Protein backbone atom coordinates (compact mmCIF):
# COMPACT_ATOMS: atom_id res chain seq x y z
CA MET A 1 0.12 -0.08 0.10
CA THR A 2 1.56 3.25 -0.78
CA ASP A 3 1.42 6.41 1.41
CA PRO A 4 -0.92 9.36 0.68
CA VAL A 5 1.64 11.69 -0.53
CA THR A 6 3.41 9.41 -3.09
CA ARG A 7 -0.30 8.46 -4.40
CA ALA A 8 -1.24 12.26 -4.43
CA ALA A 9 2.20 12.62 -6.60
CA ALA A 10 1.18 9.59 -8.85
CA LEU A 11 -2.41 11.44 -9.36
CA LEU A 12 -0.76 14.83 -9.88
CA LYS A 13 1.21 13.23 -12.73
CA GLU A 14 -1.80 11.69 -14.30
CA HIS A 15 -3.71 15.06 -14.37
CA ARG A 16 -0.86 16.98 -15.48
CA GLU A 17 -0.29 14.40 -18.46
CA SER A 18 -4.17 14.85 -19.07
CA ILE A 19 -3.55 18.63 -19.14
CA ASP A 20 -0.69 18.44 -21.66
CA ARG A 21 -2.71 16.26 -24.18
CA LEU A 22 -5.41 18.81 -23.81
CA ASP A 23 -3.23 21.60 -24.62
CA ALA A 24 -1.98 19.95 -27.67
CA ILE A 25 -5.48 19.21 -29.01
CA LEU A 26 -6.43 22.92 -28.34
CA VAL A 27 -3.15 24.22 -30.21
CA TYR A 28 -3.81 22.01 -33.09
CA THR A 29 -7.74 23.01 -33.18
CA LEU A 30 -6.61 26.61 -33.14
CA GLY A 31 -4.49 25.89 -36.02
CA GLU A 32 -6.94 24.48 -38.34
CA ARG A 33 -9.53 27.02 -37.26
CA PHE A 34 -7.21 29.71 -38.44
CA LYS A 35 -6.42 27.88 -41.63
CA HIS A 36 -10.27 27.93 -42.44
CA THR A 37 -10.51 31.62 -41.22
CA GLN A 38 -7.22 32.53 -43.62
CA ALA A 39 -9.40 30.99 -46.48
CA VAL A 40 -12.42 32.90 -45.56
CA GLY A 41 -10.27 36.18 -45.31
CA LYS A 42 -9.02 35.64 -48.84
CA LEU A 43 -12.59 34.75 -50.22
CA LYS A 44 -13.94 38.05 -48.50
CA ALA A 45 -11.13 40.09 -50.01
CA GLU A 46 -11.26 38.58 -53.45
CA HIS A 47 -15.03 39.58 -53.76
CA GLU A 48 -14.88 42.84 -51.69
CA LEU A 49 -16.64 41.63 -48.49
CA PRO A 50 -16.10 43.45 -45.21
CA PRO A 51 -13.66 41.66 -42.81
CA SER A 52 -15.83 41.56 -40.30
CA ASP A 53 -19.40 40.33 -40.00
CA PRO A 54 -21.13 41.38 -36.78
CA ALA A 55 -24.09 39.10 -37.17
CA ARG A 56 -22.15 36.25 -37.64
CA GLU A 57 -19.98 37.22 -34.47
CA ALA A 58 -22.80 37.73 -32.36
CA ALA A 59 -24.35 34.22 -33.55
CA GLN A 60 -21.12 32.64 -33.01
CA ILE A 61 -20.31 34.16 -29.40
CA ALA A 62 -24.43 32.93 -28.48
CA ARG A 63 -23.61 29.73 -29.88
CA LEU A 64 -20.36 29.46 -27.75
CA GLU A 65 -22.12 30.38 -24.70
CA ASP A 66 -24.73 27.96 -25.01
CA LEU A 67 -21.98 25.30 -25.47
CA ALA A 68 -20.20 26.33 -22.63
CA GLN A 69 -23.06 26.00 -20.26
CA GLN A 70 -23.32 22.36 -21.56
CA ALA A 71 -19.91 21.83 -21.09
CA ASP A 72 -20.17 23.24 -17.60
CA LEU A 73 -17.42 25.97 -18.43
CA ASP A 74 -17.95 29.72 -17.22
CA PRO A 75 -20.03 31.29 -20.29
CA ASP A 76 -18.19 34.50 -19.52
CA PHE A 77 -14.92 33.11 -20.05
CA ALA A 78 -15.94 31.23 -23.46
CA LYS A 79 -17.24 34.63 -24.59
CA LYS A 80 -13.91 36.16 -23.74
CA PHE A 81 -11.96 33.66 -25.36
CA LEU A 82 -14.18 33.52 -28.57
CA SER A 83 -14.12 37.47 -28.89
CA PHE A 84 -10.30 37.23 -28.73
CA ILE A 85 -9.84 34.77 -31.35
CA ILE A 86 -12.70 36.82 -33.41
CA GLN A 87 -10.33 39.98 -33.33
CA GLU A 88 -7.13 38.10 -34.49
CA VAL A 89 -9.35 36.59 -37.31
CA ILE A 90 -10.62 40.18 -38.38
CA LYS A 91 -6.93 41.34 -38.27
CA HIS A 92 -6.03 38.63 -40.51
CA HIS A 93 -8.70 39.26 -43.00
CA GLU A 94 -7.81 43.11 -42.83
CA GLN A 95 -4.54 42.13 -43.69
CA HIS A 96 -5.95 40.19 -47.24
CA GLN A 97 -8.03 43.69 -47.70
CA LYS A 98 -4.64 45.49 -48.37
């Protein structure tokens, strides 16, 4: 039988390994997402469409807030996170407009 400190250290190691895997998933997922938003930015530039779409952005934020609630994640955090991503996407779209 292992002592509590050794058991806690083993559990901590397992949690950290899971966190590391999830961080990798987040990074690769964001990379894939930005590949698509870059393509959208080029398409918008080619067709002289505005770099931002406030109606789409509002719908996406509402959708993400709902998903966050389902996932037991703070909806305010999810909204801030998506807002940050949207601002980065708009910057990329504006670069394509130049």
